[in-house]
Amino acid sequence: MIFLFLGFNSCNNNPLIIDVSDVDLTLEVKSFEKDLFSTKSSLSNDEIDKLAVNYQPFFDDFTNEIINIGDARRGDFNFLFNAFRTDPEIRAIYTDVQKQFSDFYPYKKELTDAFKHYKYYFPKEEIPTIITYISGFNYAIATGKNYLGIGLDMFLGKDYKPYIQLQLPEYKREIMTKDYLVSSVLLGWISTEYEMQETQPNLLSEMVHQGKILFLLDALIPSEKNHIKLSYTAEQYNWCEQNKKQIWFYMMDNKLLFTKENNQIIKFMGEAPFTNGFPEGSPGRIGHWLGWQIIKAYMKTNPTITINELMQKTDAQEILNKSNYKP
């Protein structure tokens, strides 16, 4: 009995699983899409102005970047704005979003828990307001000053008919589901909070940077499945785990860690259905997975390093050396 008890505890000895129940945080969630589509008739100038005031600075980013109609200084702005919100296809998407996300509370609960973790590690940092919206299949995540936007129309399921009609690749549709929503949103937000500072990074720097991003994501949602955090299917993640030695030796044998060749960096870091030159079953973005393994090894080997300190470190070579990563 003692052996079984100790064995059970060792399997669940994850230092990132912490108690955040005492962290004081109330996450504000605003539903822009509900306010935008609350009526089918055109909005008056005053109604549009009120909506803009209530959702600044998101409103300007939404019209300028997400639906790309410009800002209110355009003479035809109100016409274009109403044309978007009364478009039959856009309203059909809104109906589908309402069905899929009729109750957003479970996602709010998960996001609240994630940001409690963030507040635990970074007590002085501001927590963004969450704003949900419909993008017309343009942007899944939008970030700006003090807000984190979620394009709900980008998480309607891999078999959602309009995705197929738009000929979106299957490997992209795999993660356009509600199961990936929280992880994808947090990953997008972290990536903008911690952008790479190097102007001409090598492959190792790119991998370590993405590894740090994923490690922080891991700290925010430690109980989430690893393949979801990596935006992989379970099969893709298992392929990497089963071939981790081969992946590492390939990097070593071909002296790729310090390459600055753009095509090589894109090969291992860019979005793709598979990694060119690797055996069947390999996913894209293997450099993200490998960077994560290096960072996990580094943090395990250097337990006194805090997550805050990790995110400030920029010397990828030093991190690799001190990680003692050997799959």
Protein backbone atom coordinates (compact mmCIF):
# COMPACT_ATOMS: atom_id res chain seq x y z
CA MET A 1 0.00 0.00 0.00
CA ILE A 2 2.86 2.37 0.82
CA PHE A 3 4.53 1.58 -2.51
CA LEU A 4 1.35 2.30 -4.44
CA PHE A 5 0.73 5.52 -2.53
CA LEU A 6 4.23 6.82 -3.15
CA GLY A 7 4.02 5.82 -6.80
CA PHE A 8 0.77 7.72 -7.20
CA ASN A 9 2.21 10.85 -5.64
CA SER A 10 5.36 10.77 -7.78
CA CYS A 11 3.28 10.69 -10.96
CA ASN A 12 1.41 13.80 -9.84
CA ASN A 13 4.37 15.73 -8.48
CA ASN A 14 3.99 18.66 -10.86
CA PRO A 15 5.50 21.82 -9.30
CA LEU A 16 3.33 23.96 -11.59
CA ILE A 17 0.13 22.70 -9.95
CA ILE A 18 -0.32 25.28 -7.20
CA ASP A 19 -3.15 26.55 -5.03
CA VAL A 20 -4.38 29.92 -6.31
CA SER A 21 -7.63 30.00 -4.35
CA ASP A 22 -6.37 32.93 -2.27
CA VAL A 23 -5.46 35.04 -5.31
CA ASP A 24 -7.96 37.90 -5.47
CA LEU A 25 -9.08 38.34 -9.07
CA THR A 26 -12.36 39.19 -10.77
CA LEU A 27 -12.05 38.69 -14.52
CA GLU A 28 -14.18 41.05 -16.61
CA VAL A 29 -15.73 39.47 -19.69
CA LYS A 30 -17.62 41.59 -22.25
CA SER A 31 -19.60 40.21 -25.21
CA PHE A 32 -19.09 42.63 -28.07
CA GLU A 33 -20.89 40.35 -30.51
CA LYS A 34 -24.09 40.45 -28.43
CA ASP A 35 -24.08 44.23 -28.28
CA LEU A 36 -23.22 44.43 -31.97
CA PHE A 37 -25.95 42.09 -33.18
CA SER A 38 -28.61 42.82 -30.53
CA THR A 39 -30.89 44.30 -33.20
CA LYS A 40 -31.29 43.42 -36.87
CA SER A 41 -32.02 46.97 -37.95
CA SER A 42 -29.29 49.48 -38.72
CA LEU A 43 -27.76 51.34 -35.79
CA SER A 44 -28.05 55.11 -35.64
CA ASN A 45 -24.99 57.32 -35.47
CA ASP A 46 -25.57 57.88 -31.75
CA GLU A 47 -25.87 54.13 -31.12
CA ILE A 48 -22.61 53.46 -32.94
CA ASP A 49 -20.90 56.23 -30.98
CA LYS A 50 -22.13 54.73 -27.71
CA LEU A 51 -20.87 51.28 -28.72
CA ALA A 52 -17.50 52.77 -29.64
CA VAL A 53 -17.17 54.51 -26.27
CA ASN A 54 -18.11 51.38 -24.32
CA TYR A 55 -15.53 49.25 -26.11
CA GLN A 56 -12.53 51.48 -26.59
CA PRO A 57 -9.75 50.84 -27.51
CA PHE A 58 -11.00 47.50 -28.85
CA PHE A 59 -13.64 49.15 -31.05
CA ASP A 60 -11.07 51.04 -33.14
CA ASP A 61 -8.89 47.91 -33.49
CA PHE A 62 -11.96 45.92 -34.51
CA THR A 63 -12.99 48.28 -37.29
CA ASN A 64 -9.47 49.12 -38.49
CA GLU A 65 -7.78 45.73 -38.28
CA ILE A 66 -10.27 42.91 -37.80
CA ILE A 67 -13.04 43.80 -40.27
CA ASN A 68 -10.91 46.39 -42.08
CA ILE A 69 -13.44 49.17 -42.71
CA GLY A 70 -11.38 51.99 -41.23
CA ASP A 71 -12.32 54.28 -38.37
CA ALA A 72 -15.18 56.67 -37.60
CA ARG A 73 -13.46 59.57 -39.37
CA ARG A 74 -14.38 58.01 -42.71
CA GLY A 75 -17.43 59.60 -44.23
CA ASP A 76 -18.96 56.24 -45.11
CA PHE A 77 -17.98 54.54 -41.83
CA ASN A 78 -21.50 54.12 -40.41
CA PHE A 79 -22.74 52.67 -43.71
CA LEU A 80 -19.89 50.13 -43.84
CA PHE A 81 -20.29 49.29 -40.16
CA ASN A 82 -24.00 48.58 -40.55
CA ALA A 83 -23.34 46.66 -43.75
CA PHE A 84 -21.10 44.29 -41.77
CA ARG A 85 -23.53 43.76 -38.90
CA THR A 86 -26.59 43.27 -41.15
CA ASP A 87 -24.86 40.99 -43.67
CA PRO A 88 -26.88 37.71 -43.81
CA GLU A 89 -23.78 35.52 -43.78
CA ILE A 90 -22.31 37.34 -40.79
CA ARG A 91 -25.59 37.06 -38.92
CA ALA A 92 -25.70 33.34 -39.73
CA ILE A 93 -22.26 33.01 -38.14
CA TYR A 94 -23.56 34.90 -35.12
CA THR A 95 -26.44 32.42 -34.81
CA ASP A 96 -23.98 29.52 -34.88
CA VAL A 97 -21.80 31.21 -32.27
CA GLN A 98 -24.81 31.70 -30.02
CA LYS A 99 -25.60 27.99 -30.25
CA GLN A 100 -22.02 26.85 -29.62
CA PHE A 101 -21.27 29.36 -26.86
CA SER A 102 -24.69 29.87 -25.31
CA ASP A 103 -23.01 29.55 -21.92
CA PHE A 104 -19.57 31.16 -21.78
CA TYR A 105 -19.23 30.62 -18.03
CA PRO A 106 -17.06 27.45 -18.28
CA TYR A 107 -14.52 29.34 -20.40
CA LYS A 108 -14.65 32.34 -18.09
CA LYS A 109 -13.96 30.01 -15.17
CA GLU A 110 -10.94 28.47 -16.92
CA LEU A 111 -9.59 31.86 -17.94
CA THR A 112 -10.08 33.22 -14.43
CA ASP A 113 -8.10 30.31 -13.00
CA ALA A 114 -5.36 30.86 -15.61
CA PHE A 115 -5.06 34.55 -14.81
CA LYS A 116 -5.01 33.78 -11.10
CA HIS A 117 -1.92 31.71 -11.86
CA TYR A 118 -0.50 34.62 -13.83
CA LYS A 119 -1.21 36.99 -10.94
CA TYR A 120 0.51 34.54 -8.59
CA TYR A 121 3.71 34.62 -10.68
CA PHE A 122 3.47 38.27 -11.75
CA PRO A 123 1.57 40.09 -8.97
CA LYS A 124 2.26 43.57 -10.36
CA GLU A 125 1.07 42.90 -13.89
CA GLU A 126 -2.33 44.08 -15.12
CA ILE A 127 -4.97 41.54 -16.10
CA PRO A 128 -6.74 42.26 -19.41
CA THR A 129 -10.46 42.56 -19.94
CA ILE A 130 -11.76 39.65 -22.02
CA ILE A 131 -13.81 40.73 -25.06
CA THR A 132 -15.54 38.17 -27.25
CA TYR A 133 -16.44 39.08 -30.84
CA ILE A 134 -17.13 37.77 -34.33
CA SER A 135 -14.41 38.50 -36.87
CA GLY A 136 -15.87 37.21 -40.11
CA PHE A 137 -13.23 34.43 -40.01
CA ASN A 138 -10.38 36.94 -39.87
CA TYR A 139 -8.82 36.89 -36.39
CA ALA A 140 -9.02 34.27 -33.65
CA ILE A 141 -7.13 36.39 -31.12
CA ALA A 142 -6.82 40.15 -30.79
CA THR A 143 -4.71 41.88 -28.16
CA GLY A 144 -4.41 45.52 -27.30
CA LYS A 145 -4.01 47.89 -24.41
CA ASN A 146 -5.69 46.19 -21.44
CA TYR A 147 -7.84 43.80 -23.48
CA LEU A 148 -7.70 40.26 -24.84
CA GLY A 149 -10.14 39.58 -27.66
CA ILE A 150 -11.54 36.17 -28.61
CA GLY A 151 -12.98 35.62 -32.08
CA LEU A 152 -15.58 32.99 -31.23
CA ASP A 153 -16.28 32.30 -34.90
CA MET A 154 -12.81 30.73 -35.11
CA PHE A 155 -13.67 27.92 -32.67
CA LEU A 156 -16.82 26.38 -34.14
CA GLY A 157 -15.43 22.89 -34.79
CA LYS A 158 -13.16 21.26 -37.33
CA ASP A 159 -16.13 20.06 -39.41
CA TYR A 160 -17.91 23.42 -39.42
CA LYS A 161 -19.22 23.75 -42.97
CA PRO A 162 -18.03 27.32 -43.72
CA TYR A 163 -14.45 26.34 -42.74
CA ILE A 164 -14.56 23.57 -45.31
CA GLN A 165 -16.12 25.85 -47.91
CA LEU A 166 -13.29 28.32 -47.31
CA GLN A 167 -10.90 25.43 -47.99
CA LEU A 168 -9.08 25.88 -44.71
CA PRO A 169 -6.44 23.13 -44.39
CA GLU A 170 -7.39 20.20 -42.20
CA TYR A 171 -4.37 20.66 -39.93
CA LYS A 172 -5.60 24.18 -39.11
CA ARG A 173 -9.21 23.09 -38.65
CA GLU A 174 -8.08 20.47 -36.12
CA ILE A 175 -7.54 23.16 -33.50
CA MET A 176 -10.48 25.40 -34.45
CA THR A 177 -12.62 23.78 -31.76
CA LYS A 178 -13.83 24.87 -28.34
CA ASP A 179 -11.42 22.39 -26.73
CA TYR A 180 -8.51 24.56 -27.89
CA LEU A 181 -10.12 27.93 -27.12
CA VAL A 182 -8.64 28.72 -23.71
CA SER A 183 -5.18 27.45 -24.57
CA SER A 184 -5.09 29.26 -27.93
CA VAL A 185 -6.29 32.51 -26.38
CA LEU A 186 -3.69 32.42 -23.61
CA LEU A 187 -0.93 31.43 -26.03
CA GLY A 188 -1.79 34.36 -28.30
CA TRP A 189 -1.81 36.75 -25.36
CA ILE A 190 1.49 35.50 -23.89
CA SER A 191 3.14 35.73 -27.31
CA THR A 192 2.35 39.44 -27.53
CA GLU A 193 3.37 40.07 -23.92
CA TYR A 194 6.77 38.46 -24.49
CA GLU A 195 7.92 39.17 -28.01
CA MET A 196 11.37 38.16 -29.20
CA GLN A 197 13.87 40.99 -28.96
CA GLU A 198 16.56 39.63 -31.28
CA THR A 199 16.46 41.04 -34.80
CA GLN A 200 18.32 38.13 -36.45
CA PRO A 201 17.83 35.10 -34.21
CA ASN A 202 19.20 31.67 -35.03
CA LEU A 203 17.09 28.52 -34.82
CA LEU A 204 18.12 27.80 -31.23
CA SER A 205 17.04 31.29 -30.12
CA GLU A 206 13.69 30.85 -31.86
CA MET A 207 13.15 27.45 -30.25
CA VAL A 208 14.12 28.59 -26.76
CA HIS A 209 11.89 31.66 -27.04
CA GLN A 210 8.89 29.56 -28.03
CA GLY A 211 9.82 27.08 -25.32
CA LYS A 212 9.60 29.83 -22.72
CA ILE A 213 6.20 30.89 -24.06
CA LEU A 214 4.94 27.31 -23.80
CA PHE A 215 6.41 26.85 -20.33
CA LEU A 216 4.56 29.95 -19.12
CA LEU A 217 1.38 28.63 -20.75
CA ASP A 218 2.01 25.37 -18.92
CA ALA A 219 2.25 27.32 -15.66
CA LEU A 220 -1.08 29.06 -16.33
CA ILE A 221 -3.02 25.90 -17.23
CA PRO A 222 -0.94 23.07 -15.73
CA SER A 223 -3.80 20.55 -15.75
CA GLU A 224 -4.50 20.94 -19.49
CA LYS A 225 -3.38 18.20 -21.87
CA ASN A 226 0.09 18.81 -23.33
CA HIS A 227 -0.98 18.35 -26.92
CA ILE A 228 -3.65 21.03 -26.56
CA LYS A 229 -1.16 23.49 -25.08
CA LEU A 230 1.06 22.88 -28.09
CA SER A 231 -1.89 23.21 -30.52
CA TYR A 232 -1.29 19.63 -31.67
CA THR A 233 -3.55 16.63 -31.95
CA ALA A 234 -2.81 13.84 -29.48
CA GLU A 235 -1.31 11.81 -32.33
CA GLN A 236 1.06 14.61 -33.34
CA TYR A 237 2.26 15.10 -29.78
CA ASN A 238 2.79 11.36 -29.30
CA TRP A 239 4.81 11.24 -32.53
CA CYS A 240 7.23 13.82 -31.11
CA GLU A 241 7.51 11.97 -27.81
CA GLN A 242 8.17 8.67 -29.55
CA ASN A 243 10.79 10.22 -31.86
CA LYS A 244 12.46 12.68 -29.49
CA LYS A 245 15.90 11.10 -29.81
CA GLN A 246 15.72 11.09 -33.59
CA ILE A 247 14.60 14.73 -33.64
CA TRP A 248 17.52 15.79 -31.42
CA PHE A 249 20.13 13.78 -33.32
CA TYR A 250 18.84 15.17 -36.61
CA MET A 251 19.41 18.70 -35.28
CA MET A 252 22.88 17.77 -34.02
CA ASP A 253 24.01 15.78 -37.06
CA ASN A 254 22.96 18.54 -39.45
CA LYS A 255 24.35 21.35 -37.26
CA LEU A 256 21.05 23.21 -37.37
CA LEU A 257 20.87 24.85 -33.95
CA PHE A 258 22.83 27.94 -34.94
CA THR A 259 21.60 28.34 -38.47
CA LYS A 260 20.13 31.69 -39.44
CA GLU A 261 18.89 30.50 -42.81
CA ASN A 262 15.30 31.62 -43.09
CA ASN A 263 14.12 28.52 -44.93
CA GLN A 264 15.50 26.25 -42.20
CA ILE A 265 13.94 28.30 -39.42
CA ILE A 266 10.57 28.29 -41.17
CA LYS A 267 10.88 24.53 -41.71
CA PHE A 268 10.97 23.87 -37.96
CA MET A 269 9.07 26.87 -36.59
CA GLY A 270 6.42 27.71 -39.17
CA GLU A 271 2.84 26.50 -39.49
CA ALA A 272 2.70 23.39 -41.67
CA PRO A 273 0.83 20.08 -41.86
CA PHE A 274 4.14 18.19 -41.42
CA THR A 275 7.89 18.75 -41.25
CA ASN A 276 9.45 18.42 -44.68
CA GLY A 277 12.08 15.65 -44.77
CA PHE A 278 10.79 13.93 -41.63
CA PRO A 279 9.00 10.55 -41.58
CA GLU A 280 5.24 10.27 -42.04
CA GLY A 281 3.24 11.42 -39.06
CA SER A 282 5.54 14.28 -38.12
CA PRO A 283 3.74 17.54 -37.30
CA GLY A 284 4.79 21.05 -38.19
CA ARG A 285 6.39 23.40 -35.68
CA ILE A 286 8.63 20.71 -34.24
CA GLY A 287 10.94 23.51 -33.11
CA HIS A 288 8.22 24.68 -30.72
CA TRP A 289 7.97 21.20 -29.19
CA LEU A 290 11.77 20.89 -28.92
CA GLY A 291 12.14 24.34 -27.38
CA TRP A 292 9.58 23.39 -24.75
CA GLN A 293 11.53 20.24 -23.88
CA ILE A 294 14.73 22.27 -23.48
CA ILE A 295 13.03 24.77 -21.17
CA LYS A 296 11.41 22.03 -19.08
CA ALA A 297 14.82 20.39 -18.69
CA TYR A 298 16.37 23.75 -17.79
CA MET A 299 13.80 24.49 -15.10
CA LYS A 300 14.11 21.00 -13.67
CA THR A 301 17.90 21.24 -13.55
CA ASN A 302 17.78 24.78 -12.11
CA PRO A 303 14.91 24.69 -9.59
CA THR A 304 15.80 28.04 -8.00
CA ILE A 305 15.03 29.93 -11.22
CA THR A 306 11.61 31.57 -11.01
CA ILE A 307 9.26 31.84 -13.97
CA ASN A 308 9.68 35.61 -13.87
CA GLU A 309 13.46 35.20 -14.12
CA LEU A 310 13.07 32.65 -16.91
CA MET A 311 11.03 35.02 -19.04
CA GLN A 312 13.75 37.69 -18.71
CA LYS A 313 16.58 35.43 -19.87
CA THR A 314 17.64 35.91 -23.47
CA ASP A 315 20.83 33.83 -23.78
CA ALA A 316 19.58 30.72 -25.56
CA GLN A 317 23.02 29.11 -25.60
CA GLU A 318 23.34 29.46 -21.83
CA ILE A 319 19.88 28.01 -21.30
CA LEU A 320 20.68 25.02 -23.51
CA ASN A 321 24.01 24.41 -21.76
CA LYS A 322 22.46 24.57 -18.29
CA SER A 323 19.48 22.46 -19.26
CA ASN A 324 21.61 19.33 -19.80
CA TYR A 325 18.94 18.32 -22.29
CA LYS A 326 19.62 14.78 -23.49
CA PRO A 327 16.59 12.87 -24.76
